[in-house]
Amino acid sequence: MRRFILAFLLASVASAAAQERIVINPEAHYPEGPLWYGGRLYYTEMGADRVRAWDGRGNAVVWKRAGCGPTSIADGGAGTLIVLCHLQNTLARIDLSGATRAIIDRDDKGARFPTPNASINDRKGGIYFSSSGIFSPLAPAEGSVLYLPAGEDVPRRVATGIHYANGAALARDGRTLFVSEHLERRVLAYPVEDDGSLGLRRVFVLLDQVAPPGPRGWDVGPDGLAVDRRGNLFIAEYGAGRVLVVDGKGALIATIAIPERYVTAPAFGPDEARVFVTAPSNNTTPPFVGKVYSIANPVFRKD
């Protein structure tokens, strides 16, 4: 009888754990940049040069562009989306039918923005996005942040000197922009001005101070970011198989373990009870098959 009870309890625990982490796409090709938009989860597949959308039942291809290598999606306004083409150093404005409306490849000074990586909308409909630079610890800190005003197709550079600029997220009041400085293993915070420009940066959190680093390669660091209604920051730790959750003061309050090592980005649906996470299984073997998850939010509380 005791053996039966023990087996039942173990099975119940395993079942509950499985329900906490649901795979919504078991074969996504280097998934990144999830965005909840119009009742669907949009996400990119850098390894397949396409954008997909999950409607709760299945995943459909929304858009493709050979060589794009997309890594993020933002709301472009007027029924359009802005897709960051990481490998082509461009932004693509697309509509929901899959048509490409415009390709953006220069800032307001006529300069290129290499390897655009992550994006976030502000309350005005504008978009902040990161331009990473070279992914190498020996490379100079040439990453930057650009701002694309609502309804426009010419971004302007608002921050520079970042050692591989990666994830981006805004505080709930819109007054602070968080940016992952991947190769320094830290998240930066910039004050946001009324015109969209950014003030002097500060270090918001050092990953090695909130979570044991353990054995790791040089490529392990903060990737995609998301902020919940309570001001908690969710940090995808690329190469470490986890999402770190810190509060508004940068203190660690939860860790979400992910089976895949190369976790790229978190995002929320409308109620934040669950967090969507994109996670390639590796970063060396094409087409970089990974998974897209829906995971119970460990710090969610009903208002």
Protein backbone atom coordinates (compact mmCIF):
# COMPACT_ATOMS: atom_id res chain seq x y z
CA MET A 1 0.00 0.00 0.00
CA ARG A 2 2.82 2.39 0.89
CA ARG A 3 4.48 1.69 -2.46
CA PHE A 4 1.22 2.50 -4.25
CA ILE A 5 0.79 5.78 -2.37
CA LEU A 6 4.41 6.76 -3.04
CA ALA A 7 4.07 5.94 -6.74
CA PHE A 8 0.82 7.94 -6.93
CA LEU A 9 2.41 10.96 -5.26
CA LEU A 10 5.45 10.85 -7.53
CA ALA A 11 3.22 10.58 -10.61
CA SER A 12 1.10 13.49 -9.41
CA VAL A 13 4.17 15.65 -8.87
CA ALA A 14 5.53 14.74 -12.33
CA SER A 15 2.18 15.51 -13.94
CA ALA A 16 1.91 18.88 -12.19
CA ALA A 17 5.46 19.77 -13.23
CA ALA A 18 4.69 18.88 -16.83
CA GLN A 19 1.62 21.12 -16.80
CA GLU A 20 3.65 23.99 -15.40
CA ARG A 21 5.86 23.93 -18.52
CA ILE A 22 3.93 23.42 -21.77
CA VAL A 23 5.65 23.15 -25.15
CA ILE A 24 3.72 25.13 -27.74
CA ASN A 25 6.23 24.49 -30.52
CA PRO A 26 8.57 21.49 -30.15
CA GLU A 27 10.54 22.23 -33.32
CA ALA A 28 11.21 25.93 -33.65
CA HIS A 29 14.34 26.91 -35.58
CA TYR A 30 16.29 29.21 -33.25
CA PRO A 31 13.22 30.89 -31.77
CA GLU A 32 13.52 34.42 -30.40
CA GLY A 33 11.69 37.70 -29.81
CA PRO A 34 8.19 36.65 -28.67
CA LEU A 35 5.43 39.28 -28.80
CA TRP A 36 1.80 38.94 -27.71
CA TYR A 37 -0.22 40.84 -30.32
CA GLY A 38 -3.87 40.66 -31.37
CA GLY A 39 -4.59 37.58 -29.26
CA ARG A 40 -1.70 35.56 -30.70
CA LEU A 41 1.91 34.91 -29.76
CA TYR A 42 4.25 36.00 -32.54
CA TYR A 43 7.87 34.87 -32.49
CA THR A 44 10.82 34.72 -34.85
CA GLU A 45 12.81 31.77 -36.12
CA MET A 46 16.28 33.02 -36.96
CA GLY A 47 17.29 29.58 -38.22
CA ALA A 48 14.43 29.52 -40.77
CA ASP A 49 14.25 33.23 -41.75
CA ARG A 50 10.59 33.49 -40.73
CA VAL A 51 7.99 34.76 -38.27
CA ARG A 52 5.40 32.42 -36.82
CA ALA A 53 2.25 32.96 -34.75
CA TRP A 54 0.63 30.64 -32.20
CA ASP A 55 -3.13 31.01 -31.68
CA GLY A 56 -3.57 28.51 -28.85
CA ARG A 57 -4.10 25.60 -31.23
CA GLY A 58 -1.21 25.62 -33.66
CA ASN A 59 1.67 27.55 -35.20
CA ALA A 60 1.37 29.25 -38.58
CA VAL A 61 4.02 30.93 -40.72
CA VAL A 62 3.23 34.65 -41.03
CA TRP A 63 6.22 35.97 -43.01
CA LYS A 64 9.49 34.84 -44.58
CA ARG A 65 12.52 36.63 -46.00
CA ALA A 66 15.60 34.72 -47.16
CA GLY A 67 18.72 35.74 -45.26
CA CYS A 68 16.85 37.92 -42.75
CA GLY A 69 17.69 35.94 -39.60
CA PRO A 70 14.90 37.61 -37.57
CA THR A 71 15.32 37.98 -33.81
CA SER A 72 12.55 40.31 -32.58
CA ILE A 73 9.11 41.72 -33.38
CA ALA A 74 7.43 44.97 -32.32
CA ASP A 75 4.09 46.64 -33.00
CA GLY A 76 4.63 48.94 -35.99
CA GLY A 77 1.22 50.62 -35.75
CA ALA A 78 -1.61 50.74 -38.30
CA GLY A 79 -1.77 46.94 -38.50
CA THR A 80 1.93 46.44 -39.17
CA LEU A 81 4.78 44.72 -37.34
CA ILE A 82 8.45 45.66 -37.27
CA VAL A 83 10.73 42.63 -37.64
CA LEU A 84 14.42 42.93 -36.78
CA CYS A 85 16.55 41.18 -39.43
CA HIS A 86 19.64 40.40 -37.37
CA LEU A 87 21.62 38.86 -40.22
CA GLN A 88 20.73 41.49 -42.85
CA ASN A 89 21.26 44.51 -40.57
CA THR A 90 17.79 45.86 -41.38
CA LEU A 91 14.27 46.32 -40.07
CA ALA A 92 11.30 45.04 -42.08
CA ARG A 93 7.87 46.61 -41.77
CA ILE A 94 5.32 43.90 -42.61
CA ASP A 95 1.54 43.59 -42.51
CA LEU A 96 -0.44 40.70 -41.06
CA SER A 97 -1.00 39.18 -44.50
CA GLY A 98 2.74 38.60 -44.77
CA ALA A 99 3.48 41.44 -47.22
CA THR A 100 6.65 43.48 -46.77
CA ARG A 101 5.80 47.19 -46.67
CA ALA A 102 9.27 48.69 -46.18
CA ILE A 103 12.90 47.82 -45.46
CA ILE A 104 14.74 50.19 -43.10
CA ASP A 105 18.54 50.07 -43.14
CA ARG A 106 19.84 53.53 -42.09
CA ASP A 107 19.44 55.85 -39.14
CA ASP A 108 18.78 59.59 -39.37
CA LYS A 109 22.51 60.22 -39.94
CA GLY A 110 22.71 57.75 -42.80
CA ALA A 111 24.59 55.18 -40.71
CA ARG A 112 23.91 51.46 -40.66
CA PHE A 113 22.90 49.62 -37.48
CA PRO A 114 24.65 46.22 -37.44
CA THR A 115 22.92 43.13 -36.05
CA PRO A 116 19.66 44.60 -34.70
CA ASN A 117 18.64 42.24 -31.92
CA ALA A 118 15.77 43.07 -29.55
CA SER A 119 12.93 45.59 -29.46
CA ILE A 120 10.28 47.06 -27.19
CA ASN A 121 7.37 49.47 -27.79
CA ASP A 122 6.89 52.56 -25.66
CA ARG A 123 3.52 54.07 -24.74
CA LYS A 124 3.62 56.42 -27.73
CA GLY A 125 3.91 53.56 -30.21
CA GLY A 126 7.60 54.18 -30.79
CA ILE A 127 10.15 51.36 -30.72
CA TYR A 128 13.48 51.07 -28.96
CA PHE A 129 15.77 48.45 -30.45
CA SER A 130 19.29 47.25 -29.83
CA SER A 131 22.08 47.08 -32.41
CA SER A 132 24.46 44.54 -30.91
CA GLY A 133 27.83 44.80 -32.57
CA ILE A 134 30.21 41.83 -32.74
CA PHE A 135 29.56 38.83 -30.49
CA SER A 136 33.08 38.33 -29.13
CA PRO A 137 34.65 39.18 -25.76
CA LEU A 138 37.59 40.68 -27.67
CA ALA A 139 35.42 42.97 -29.78
CA PRO A 140 35.10 46.67 -28.90
CA ALA A 141 31.95 47.88 -27.16
CA GLU A 142 30.15 49.10 -30.30
CA GLY A 143 26.60 48.14 -29.39
CA SER A 144 23.93 50.82 -29.39
CA VAL A 145 20.23 51.54 -28.90
CA LEU A 146 18.07 53.26 -31.51
CA TYR A 147 14.61 54.77 -31.32
CA LEU A 148 12.04 54.56 -34.13
CA PRO A 149 9.21 57.08 -33.54
CA ALA A 150 5.63 55.94 -34.14
CA GLY A 151 4.63 55.98 -37.81
CA GLU A 152 8.15 56.71 -39.05
CA ASP A 153 10.75 54.66 -40.93
CA VAL A 154 13.92 56.47 -39.87
CA PRO A 155 15.34 55.62 -36.43
CA ARG A 156 17.78 57.71 -34.44
CA ARG A 157 20.61 56.50 -32.20
CA VAL A 158 20.03 57.23 -28.52
CA ALA A 159 22.76 55.23 -26.73
CA THR A 160 26.19 53.88 -27.66
CA GLY A 161 29.22 52.11 -26.16
CA ILE A 162 27.49 48.88 -25.09
CA HIS A 163 29.47 45.61 -25.09
CA TYR A 164 26.98 43.65 -27.19
CA ALA A 165 23.59 45.30 -26.68
CA ASN A 166 20.95 42.61 -26.48
CA GLY A 167 17.56 42.50 -24.69
CA ALA A 168 15.42 45.59 -24.16
CA ALA A 169 12.46 46.30 -21.86
CA LEU A 170 10.71 49.32 -20.40
CA ALA A 171 9.70 49.91 -16.79
CA ARG A 172 5.94 49.97 -16.24
CA ASP A 173 5.89 53.78 -16.05
CA GLY A 174 7.89 54.04 -19.27
CA ARG A 175 10.56 56.18 -17.63
CA THR A 176 13.39 53.62 -17.57
CA LEU A 177 14.75 51.51 -20.40
CA PHE A 178 16.55 48.30 -19.45
CA VAL A 179 19.18 46.95 -21.86
CA SER A 180 21.18 43.73 -21.60
CA GLU A 181 24.93 44.27 -21.93
CA HIS A 182 25.49 40.63 -22.75
CA LEU A 183 29.29 40.40 -22.78
CA GLU A 184 29.60 42.25 -19.45
CA ARG A 185 26.94 39.99 -17.81
CA ARG A 186 24.88 42.92 -16.63
CA VAL A 187 21.66 44.83 -17.29
CA LEU A 188 21.86 48.59 -17.77
CA ALA A 189 19.16 51.14 -16.97
CA TYR A 190 18.65 54.40 -18.88
CA PRO A 191 16.30 57.25 -17.93
CA VAL A 192 13.84 57.95 -20.75
CA GLU A 193 13.25 61.57 -21.72
CA ASP A 194 9.99 62.98 -23.11
CA ASP A 195 11.36 63.10 -26.66
CA GLY A 196 12.48 59.47 -26.56
CA SER A 197 16.14 60.24 -25.96
CA LEU A 198 18.02 58.49 -23.14
CA GLY A 199 19.94 59.93 -20.21
CA LEU A 200 23.09 58.64 -18.53
CA ARG A 201 23.09 54.93 -17.91
CA ARG A 202 23.60 53.06 -14.65
CA VAL A 203 24.15 49.41 -13.86
CA PHE A 204 20.84 47.93 -12.70
CA VAL A 205 21.98 44.39 -11.96
CA LEU A 206 25.15 42.31 -12.26
CA LEU A 207 24.20 38.71 -12.95
CA ASP A 208 27.13 37.28 -10.99
CA GLN A 209 25.90 39.10 -7.88
CA VAL A 210 22.37 37.70 -7.96
CA ALA A 211 22.94 34.14 -9.19
CA PRO A 212 25.92 31.78 -8.87
CA PRO A 213 27.74 31.87 -12.22
CA GLY A 214 29.09 28.31 -12.06
CA PRO A 215 31.26 26.95 -14.86
CA ARG A 216 30.47 28.85 -18.04
CA GLY A 217 31.84 30.01 -21.35
CA TRP A 218 32.35 33.60 -22.42
CA ASP A 219 29.04 33.55 -24.33
CA VAL A 220 26.82 33.17 -21.25
CA GLY A 221 24.99 36.39 -20.43
CA PRO A 222 21.71 38.31 -20.33
CA ASP A 223 19.63 38.08 -23.50
CA GLY A 224 15.92 38.98 -23.80
CA LEU A 225 14.11 40.97 -21.10
CA ALA A 226 10.50 41.46 -19.98
CA VAL A 227 8.90 43.51 -17.20
CA ASP A 228 5.69 42.46 -15.43
CA ARG A 229 2.98 44.67 -13.90
CA ARG A 230 4.69 44.70 -10.53
CA GLY A 231 7.96 45.92 -11.95
CA ASN A 232 9.80 42.60 -11.79
CA LEU A 233 12.38 42.09 -14.53
CA PHE A 234 12.60 38.69 -16.25
CA ILE A 235 16.09 38.06 -17.68
CA ALA A 236 16.76 35.23 -20.14
CA GLU A 237 20.27 34.01 -19.33
CA TYR A 238 21.59 32.78 -22.65
CA GLY A 239 23.82 29.74 -22.27
CA ALA A 240 22.70 29.01 -18.70
CA GLY A 241 19.30 27.37 -19.28
CA ARG A 242 17.31 29.69 -17.06
CA VAL A 243 15.30 32.86 -16.68
CA LEU A 244 16.23 35.01 -13.69
CA VAL A 245 13.51 37.14 -12.07
CA VAL A 246 14.62 40.20 -10.11
CA ASP A 247 12.50 42.79 -8.36
CA GLY A 248 12.51 46.54 -8.93
CA LYS A 249 15.69 46.89 -6.86
CA GLY A 250 17.55 44.15 -8.70
CA ALA A 251 17.24 41.44 -6.02
CA LEU A 252 16.71 37.87 -7.21
CA ILE A 253 13.21 36.58 -6.34
CA ALA A 254 12.82 33.52 -8.60
CA THR A 255 14.57 31.33 -11.16
CA ILE A 256 12.82 29.50 -14.00
CA ALA A 257 14.75 26.46 -15.21
CA ILE A 258 14.61 25.75 -18.96
CA PRO A 259 15.71 22.39 -20.46
CA GLU A 260 17.49 24.10 -23.36
CA ARG A 261 20.75 25.87 -22.61
CA TYR A 262 20.42 28.81 -25.00
CA VAL A 263 17.42 30.67 -23.63
CA THR A 264 16.77 33.77 -25.73
CA ALA A 265 13.70 35.70 -24.54
CA PRO A 266 10.63 35.85 -22.27
CA ALA A 267 7.30 37.56 -22.95
CA PHE A 268 3.88 37.79 -21.32
CA GLY A 269 0.37 37.20 -22.51
CA PRO A 270 -2.48 39.48 -21.41
CA ASP A 271 -2.79 38.29 -17.79
CA GLU A 272 0.87 37.44 -16.97
CA ALA A 273 -0.16 34.19 -15.27
CA ARG A 274 2.12 32.46 -17.74
CA VAL A 275 5.38 33.51 -19.34
CA PHE A 276 6.32 32.52 -22.88
CA VAL A 277 9.97 31.56 -23.35
CA THR A 278 11.93 30.91 -26.54
CA ALA A 279 14.89 28.54 -26.33
CA PRO A 280 17.13 27.12 -29.08
CA SER A 281 18.73 23.79 -28.16
CA ASN A 282 22.16 24.88 -29.42
CA ASN A 283 23.91 27.75 -31.19
CA THR A 284 26.29 25.81 -33.44
CA THR A 285 24.32 23.36 -35.60
CA PRO A 286 21.80 24.61 -38.20
CA PRO A 287 18.85 24.83 -38.20
CA PHE A 288 19.23 25.31 -34.42
CA VAL A 289 16.03 23.46 -33.50
CA GLY A 290 14.62 24.49 -30.13
CA LYS A 291 11.31 24.98 -28.36
CA VAL A 292 8.77 27.66 -27.49
CA TYR A 293 7.29 27.26 -24.01
CA SER A 294 4.34 28.48 -21.99
CA ILE A 295 5.40 28.38 -18.33
CA ALA A 296 3.54 29.18 -15.12
CA ASN A 297 4.77 32.52 -13.82
CA PRO A 298 6.39 31.78 -10.42
CA VAL A 299 5.80 35.29 -9.07
CA PHE A 300 2.31 35.90 -10.51
CA ARG A 301 -0.32 37.25 -8.11
CA LYS A 302 -3.83 38.32 -8.98
CA ASP A 303 -4.44 42.01 -8.33
